[in-house]
PDB file of N, CA and C in Angstrom:
ATOM      1  N   MET A   1      -0.736  32.022  10.077  1.00  0.00           N
ATOM      2  CA  MET A   1      -0.375  31.903   8.692  1.00  0.00           C
ATOM      3  C   MET A   1      -1.624  31.892   7.822  1.00  0.00           C
ATOM      4  N   HIS A   2      -2.635  31.186   8.296  1.00  0.00           N
ATOM      5  CA  HIS A   2      -3.882  31.122   7.535  1.00  0.00           C
ATOM      6  C   HIS A   2      -4.454  32.528   7.336  1.00  0.00           C
ATOM      7  N   ARG A   3      -4.490  33.307   8.394  1.00  0.00           N
ATOM      8  CA  ARG A   3      -5.032  34.667   8.311  1.00  0.00           C
ATOM      9  C   ARG A   3      -4.205  35.525   7.354  1.00  0.00           C
ATOM     10  N   TYR A   4      -2.883  35.406   7.425  1.00  0.00           N
ATOM     11  CA  TYR A   4      -2.004  36.180   6.556  1.00  0.00           C
ATOM     12  C   TYR A   4      -2.330  35.925   5.079  1.00  0.00           C
ATOM     13  N   TYR A   5      -2.405  34.660   4.696  1.00  0.00           N
ATOM     14  CA  TYR A   5      -2.654  34.338   3.292  1.00  0.00           C
ATOM     15  C   TYR A   5      -4.070  34.696   2.860  1.00  0.00           C
ATOM     16  N   THR A   6      -5.048  34.470   3.713  1.00  0.00           N
ATOM     17  CA  THR A   6      -6.425  34.794   3.318  1.00  0.00           C
ATOM     18  C   THR A   6      -6.627  36.307   3.213  1.00  0.00           C
ATOM     19  N   GLN A   7      -5.938  37.094   4.046  1.00  0.00           N
ATOM     20  CA  GLN A   7      -6.042  38.551   3.924  1.00  0.00           C
ATOM     21  C   GLN A   7      -5.474  39.033   2.594  1.00  0.00           C
ATOM     22  N   LYS A   8      -4.547  38.296   2.041  1.00  0.00           N
ATOM     23  CA  LYS A   8      -3.957  38.639   0.741  1.00  0.00           C
ATOM     24  C   LYS A   8      -4.683  37.936  -0.408  1.00  0.00           C
ATOM     25  N   SER A   9      -5.843  37.360  -0.103  1.00  0.00           N
ATOM     26  CA  SER A   9      -6.660  36.625  -1.085  1.00  0.00           C
ATOM     27  C   SER A   9      -5.887  35.491  -1.743  1.00  0.00           C
ATOM     28  N   LEU A  10      -5.066  34.815  -0.952  1.00  0.00           N
ATOM     29  CA  LEU A  10      -4.292  33.672  -1.430  1.00  0.00           C
ATOM     30  C   LEU A  10      -4.754  32.420  -0.701  1.00  0.00           C
ATOM     31  N   ASP A  11      -4.628  31.289  -1.343  1.00  0.00           N
ATOM     32  CA  ASP A  11      -4.983  30.013  -0.738  1.00  0.00           C
ATOM     33  C   ASP A  11      -3.809  29.545   0.130  1.00  0.00           C
ATOM     34  N   PRO A  12      -3.964  29.519   1.458  1.00  0.00           N
ATOM     35  CA  PRO A  12      -2.848  29.137   2.326  1.00  0.00           C
ATOM     36  C   PRO A  12      -2.356  27.714   2.070  1.00  0.00           C
ATOM     37  N   PHE A  13      -3.239  26.829   1.609  1.00  0.00           N
ATOM     38  CA  PHE A  13      -2.843  25.446   1.394  1.00  0.00           C
ATOM     39  C   PHE A  13      -1.984  25.273   0.145  1.00  0.00           C
ATOM     40  N   HIS A  14      -1.893  26.326  -0.653  1.00  0.00           N
ATOM     41  CA  HIS A  14      -0.980  26.314  -1.793  1.00  0.00           C
ATOM     42  C   HIS A  14       0.455  26.588  -1.320  1.00  0.00           C
ATOM     43  N   TYR A  15       0.605  27.250  -0.180  1.00  0.00           N
ATOM     44  CA  TYR A  15       1.913  27.665   0.315  1.00  0.00           C
ATOM     45  C   TYR A  15       2.394  26.876   1.534  1.00  0.00           C
ATOM     46  N   LEU A  16       1.468  26.391   2.330  1.00  0.00           N
ATOM     47  CA  LEU A  16       1.842  25.694   3.569  1.00  0.00           C
ATOM     48  C   LEU A  16       1.868  24.187   3.327  1.00  0.00           C
ATOM     49  N   PRO A  17       2.836  23.490   3.916  1.00  0.00           N
ATOM     50  CA  PRO A  17       2.919  22.045   3.693  1.00  0.00           C
ATOM     51  C   PRO A  17       1.812  21.277   4.408  1.00  0.00           C
ATOM     52  N   GLU A  18       1.479  20.137   3.847  1.00  0.00           N
ATOM     53  CA  GLU A  18       0.520  19.241   4.483  1.00  0.00           C
ATOM     54  C   GLU A  18       1.124  18.765   5.797  1.00  0.00           C
ATOM     55  N   THR A  19       0.322  18.764   6.849  1.00  0.00           N
ATOM     56  CA  THR A  19       0.834  18.468   8.182  1.00  0.00           C
ATOM     57  C   THR A  19      -0.083  17.484   8.896  1.00  0.00           C
ATOM     58  N   TYR A  20       0.525  16.558   9.626  1.00  0.00           N
ATOM     59  CA  TYR A  20      -0.219  15.586  10.420  1.00  0.00           C
ATOM     60  C   TYR A  20       0.370  15.574  11.819  1.00  0.00           C
ATOM     61  N   LEU A  21      -0.465  15.749  12.814  1.00  0.00           N
ATOM     62  CA  LEU A  21      -0.040  15.678  14.207  1.00  0.00           C
ATOM     63  C   LEU A  21      -0.439  14.307  14.742  1.00  0.00           C
ATOM     64  N   VAL A  22       0.574  13.492  15.027  1.00  0.00           N
ATOM     65  CA  VAL A  22       0.332  12.126  15.483  1.00  0.00           C
ATOM     66  C   VAL A  22       1.018  11.936  16.824  1.00  0.00           C
ATOM     67  N   PRO A  23       0.276  11.647  17.886  1.00  0.00           N
ATOM     68  CA  PRO A  23       0.875  11.422  19.198  1.00  0.00           C
ATOM     69  C   PRO A  23       1.814  10.218  19.170  1.00  0.00           C
ATOM     70  N   LEU A  24       2.935  10.336  19.833  1.00  0.00           N
ATOM     71  CA  LEU A  24       3.906   9.252  19.895  1.00  0.00           C
ATOM     72  C   LEU A  24       3.535   8.316  21.041  1.00  0.00           C
ATOM     73  N   LYS A  25       2.858   7.246  20.696  1.00  0.00           N
ATOM     74  CA  LYS A  25       2.429   6.235  21.659  1.00  0.00           C
ATOM     75  C   LYS A  25       2.624   4.878  21.018  1.00  0.00           C
ATOM     76  N   LYS A  26       2.482   3.824  21.792  1.00  0.00           N
ATOM     77  CA  LYS A  26       2.607   2.476  21.236  1.00  0.00           C
ATOM     78  C   LYS A  26       1.615   2.246  20.106  1.00  0.00           C
ATOM     79  N   SER A  27       0.443   2.829  20.217  1.00  0.00           N
ATOM     80  CA  SER A  27      -0.617   2.585  19.235  1.00  0.00           C
ATOM     81  C   SER A  27      -0.738   3.714  18.210  1.00  0.00           C
ATOM     82  N   PHE A  28       0.366   4.432  17.923  1.00  0.00           N
ATOM     83  CA  PHE A  28       0.274   5.578  17.015  1.00  0.00           C
ATOM     84  C   PHE A  28      -0.235   5.178  15.628  1.00  0.00           C
ATOM     85  N   GLU A  29       0.009   3.930  15.209  1.00  0.00           N
ATOM     86  CA  GLU A  29      -0.452   3.500  13.889  1.00  0.00           C
ATOM     87  C   GLU A  29      -1.971   3.419  13.811  1.00  0.00           C
ATOM     88  N   GLU A  30      -2.647   3.392  14.936  1.00  0.00           N
ATOM     89  CA  GLU A  30      -4.111   3.367  14.963  1.00  0.00           C
ATOM     90  C   GLU A  30      -4.705   4.774  15.021  1.00  0.00           C
ATOM     91  N   HIS A  31      -3.871   5.793  15.224  1.00  0.00           N
ATOM     92  CA  HIS A  31      -4.350   7.168  15.329  1.00  0.00           C
ATOM     93  C   HIS A  31      -4.902   7.633  13.977  1.00  0.00           C
ATOM     94  N   ILE A  32      -6.013   8.346  13.994  1.00  0.00           N
ATOM     95  CA  ILE A  32      -6.689   8.782  12.767  1.00  0.00           C
ATOM     96  C   ILE A  32      -5.763   9.598  11.868  1.00  0.00           C
ATOM     97  N   ASN A  33      -4.926  10.459  12.441  1.00  0.00           N
ATOM     98  CA  ASN A  33      -4.037  11.272  11.623  1.00  0.00           C
ATOM     99  C   ASN A  33      -2.957  10.437  10.948  1.00  0.00           C
ATOM    100  N   PHE A  34      -2.476   9.387  11.618  1.00  0.00           N
ATOM    101  CA  PHE A  34      -1.484   8.520  10.986  1.00  0.00           C
ATOM    102  C   PHE A  34      -2.123   7.748   9.841  1.00  0.00           C
ATOM    103  N   LYS A  35      -3.359   7.325  10.023  1.00  0.00           N
ATOM    104  CA  LYS A  35      -4.063   6.623   8.958  1.00  0.00           C
ATOM    105  C   LYS A  35      -4.243   7.531   7.741  1.00  0.00           C
ATOM    106  N   CYS A  36      -4.553   8.806   7.979  1.00  0.00           N
ATOM    107  CA  CYS A  36      -4.682   9.772   6.881  1.00  0.00           C
ATOM    108  C   CYS A  36      -3.346   9.960   6.178  1.00  0.00           C
ATOM    109  N   PHE A  37      -2.271  10.045   6.956  1.00  0.00           N
ATOM    110  CA  PHE A  37      -0.936  10.194   6.380  1.00  0.00           C
ATOM    111  C   PHE A  37      -0.596   9.000   5.494  1.00  0.00           C
ATOM    112  N   ARG A  38      -0.891   7.800   5.968  1.00  0.00           N
ATOM    113  CA  ARG A  38      -0.591   6.591   5.191  1.00  0.00           C
ATOM    114  C   ARG A  38      -1.307   6.592   3.844  1.00  0.00           C
ATOM    115  N   LYS A  39      -2.500   7.178   3.795  1.00  0.00           N
ATOM    116  CA  LYS A  39      -3.258   7.215   2.549  1.00  0.00           C
ATOM    117  C   LYS A  39      -2.596   8.107   1.495  1.00  0.00           C
ATOM    118  N   VAL A  40      -1.970   9.190   1.928  1.00  0.00           N
ATOM    119  CA  VAL A  40      -1.383  10.134   0.962  1.00  0.00           C
ATOM    120  C   VAL A  40       0.111   9.889   0.731  1.00  0.00           C
ATOM    121  N   PHE A  41       0.756   9.118   1.606  1.00  0.00           N
ATOM    122  CA  PHE A  41       2.195   8.882   1.488  1.00  0.00           C
ATOM    123  C   PHE A  41       2.508   8.089   0.222  1.00  0.00           C
ATOM    124  N   LYS A  42       3.501   8.565  -0.515  1.00  0.00           N
ATOM    125  CA  LYS A  42       3.987   7.859  -1.694  1.00  0.00           C
ATOM    126  C   LYS A  42       5.481   7.624  -1.511  1.00  0.00           C
ATOM    127  N   GLU A  43       5.903   6.398  -1.750  1.00  0.00           N
ATOM    128  CA  GLU A  43       7.307   6.031  -1.630  1.00  0.00           C
ATOM    129  C   GLU A  43       8.165   6.967  -2.487  1.00  0.00           C
ATOM    130  N   GLY A  44       9.220   7.515  -1.914  1.00  0.00           N
ATOM    131  CA  GLY A  44      10.125   8.404  -2.634  1.00  0.00           C
ATOM    132  C   GLY A  44       9.877   9.879  -2.377  1.00  0.00           C
ATOM    133  N   GLU A  45       8.666  10.254  -1.919  1.00  0.00           N
ATOM    134  CA  GLU A  45       8.411  11.657  -1.579  1.00  0.00           C
ATOM    135  C   GLU A  45       9.164  12.009  -0.301  1.00  0.00           C
ATOM    136  N   MET A  46       9.595  13.238  -0.205  1.00  0.00           N
ATOM    137  CA  MET A  46      10.314  13.680   0.987  1.00  0.00           C
ATOM    138  C   MET A  46       9.317  14.215   2.020  1.00  0.00           C
ATOM    139  N   TRP A  47       9.471  13.752   3.254  1.00  0.00           N
ATOM    140  CA  TRP A  47       8.638  14.199   4.363  1.00  0.00           C
ATOM    141  C   TRP A  47       9.541  14.579   5.522  1.00  0.00           C
ATOM    142  N   ILE A  48       9.070  15.473   6.355  1.00  0.00           N
ATOM    143  CA  ILE A  48       9.810  15.893   7.547  1.00  0.00           C
ATOM    144  C   ILE A  48       9.096  15.338   8.766  1.00  0.00           C
ATOM    145  N   TYR A  49       9.865  14.693   9.630  1.00  0.00           N
ATOM    146  CA  TYR A  49       9.354  14.209  10.913  1.00  0.00           C
ATOM    147  C   TYR A  49       9.894  15.154  11.973  1.00  0.00           C
ATOM    148  N   LYS A  50       8.999  15.786  12.706  1.00  0.00           N
ATOM    149  CA  LYS A  50       9.392  16.724  13.751  1.00  0.00           C
ATOM    150  C   LYS A  50       8.692  16.335  15.041  1.00  0.00           C
ATOM    151  N   PRO A  51       9.438  15.771  15.991  1.00  0.00           N
ATOM    152  CA  PRO A  51       8.810  15.442  17.273  1.00  0.00           C
ATOM    153  C   PRO A  51       8.413  16.721  17.987  1.00  0.00           C
ATOM    154  N   GLY A  52       7.245  16.718  18.592  1.00  0.00           N
ATOM    155  CA  GLY A  52       6.793  17.947  19.212  1.00  0.00           C
ATOM    156  C   GLY A  52       6.240  17.783  20.604  1.00  0.00           C
ATOM    157  N   GLU A  53       6.075  16.549  21.050  1.00  0.00           N
ATOM    158  CA  GLU A  53       5.456  16.352  22.350  1.00  0.00           C
ATOM    159  C   GLU A  53       6.376  16.742  23.498  1.00  0.00           C
ATOM    160  N   SER A  54       7.668  16.482  23.373  1.00  0.00           N
ATOM    161  CA  SER A  54       8.560  16.793  24.493  1.00  0.00           C
ATOM    162  C   SER A  54       9.892  17.344  24.014  1.00  0.00           C
ATOM    163  N   SER A  55       9.929  17.891  22.800  1.00  0.00           N
ATOM    164  CA  SER A  55      11.183  18.451  22.310  1.00  0.00           C
ATOM    165  C   SER A  55      10.913  19.739  21.555  1.00  0.00           C
ATOM    166  N   ASN A  56      11.955  20.491  21.336  1.00  0.00           N
ATOM    167  CA  ASN A  56      11.831  21.728  20.579  1.00  0.00           C
ATOM    168  C   ASN A  56      13.201  22.133  20.048  1.00  0.00           C
ATOM    169  N   ARG A  57      13.287  23.309  19.479  1.00  0.00           N
ATOM    170  CA  ARG A  57      14.540  23.868  18.968  1.00  0.00           C
ATOM    171  C   ARG A  57      15.205  22.984  17.921  1.00  0.00           C
ATOM    172  N   GLY A  58      14.418  22.255  17.166  1.00  0.00           N
ATOM    173  CA  GLY A  58      14.964  21.465  16.081  1.00  0.00           C
ATOM    174  C   GLY A  58      15.531  20.120  16.474  1.00  0.00           C
ATOM    175  N   ASN A  59      15.475  19.780  17.742  1.00  0.00           N
ATOM    176  CA  ASN A  59      16.007  18.486  18.178  1.00  0.00           C
ATOM    177  C   ASN A  59      15.124  17.359  17.678  1.00  0.00           C
ATOM    178  N   GLY A  60      15.747  16.346  17.083  1.00  0.00           N
ATOM    179  CA  GLY A  60      15.023  15.150  16.664  1.00  0.00           C
ATOM    180  C   GLY A  60      14.371  15.234  15.302  1.00  0.00           C
ATOM    181  N   ILE A  61      14.559  16.329  14.566  1.00  0.00           N
ATOM    182  CA  ILE A  61      13.961  16.453  13.238  1.00  0.00           C
ATOM    183  C   ILE A  61      14.674  15.504  12.281  1.00  0.00           C
ATOM    184  N   LYS A  62      13.875  14.802  11.476  1.00  0.00           N
ATOM    185  CA  LYS A  62      14.427  13.867  10.489  1.00  0.00           C
ATOM    186  C   LYS A  62      13.701  14.047   9.169  1.00  0.00           C
ATOM    187  N   VAL A  63      14.386  13.779   8.070  1.00  0.00           N
ATOM    188  CA  VAL A  63      13.785  13.801   6.745  1.00  0.00           C
ATOM    189  C   VAL A  63      13.743  12.345   6.277  1.00  0.00           C
ATOM    190  N   PHE A  64      12.616  11.930   5.722  1.00  0.00           N
ATOM    191  CA  PHE A  64      12.514  10.543   5.271  1.00  0.00           C
ATOM    192  C   PHE A  64      11.736  10.474   3.960  1.00  0.00           C
ATOM    193  N   ASN A  65      11.935   9.373   3.231  1.00  0.00           N
ATOM    194  CA  ASN A  65      11.185   9.155   1.993  1.00  0.00           C
ATOM    195  C   ASN A  65      10.636   7.739   1.892  1.00  0.00           C
ATOM    196  N   ASN A  66      10.657   7.014   3.016  1.00  0.00           N
ATOM    197  CA  ASN A  66      10.011   5.700   3.072  1.00  0.00           C
ATOM    198  C   ASN A  66       9.537   5.442   4.497  1.00  0.00           C
ATOM    199  N   LEU A  67       8.623   4.516   4.624  1.00  0.00           N
ATOM    200  CA  LEU A  67       8.103   4.218   5.956  1.00  0.00           C
ATOM    201  C   LEU A  67       8.963   3.187   6.641  1.00  0.00           C
TER     202      LEU A  67
END
């Protein structure tokens, strides 16, 4: 996706959503990416949670607006 947008002289971050990959473990709240997410999260904004470590095909996807 990055290559597609840059070849068209477009900023890919204007079109692609902000994404954080956080491993699902007991200590996920200590993971650097989760800490970054917490800094930008605002109550009421819509976010998509998509598990990716052991699932696919849309299973387990959730939409949330609070922690």
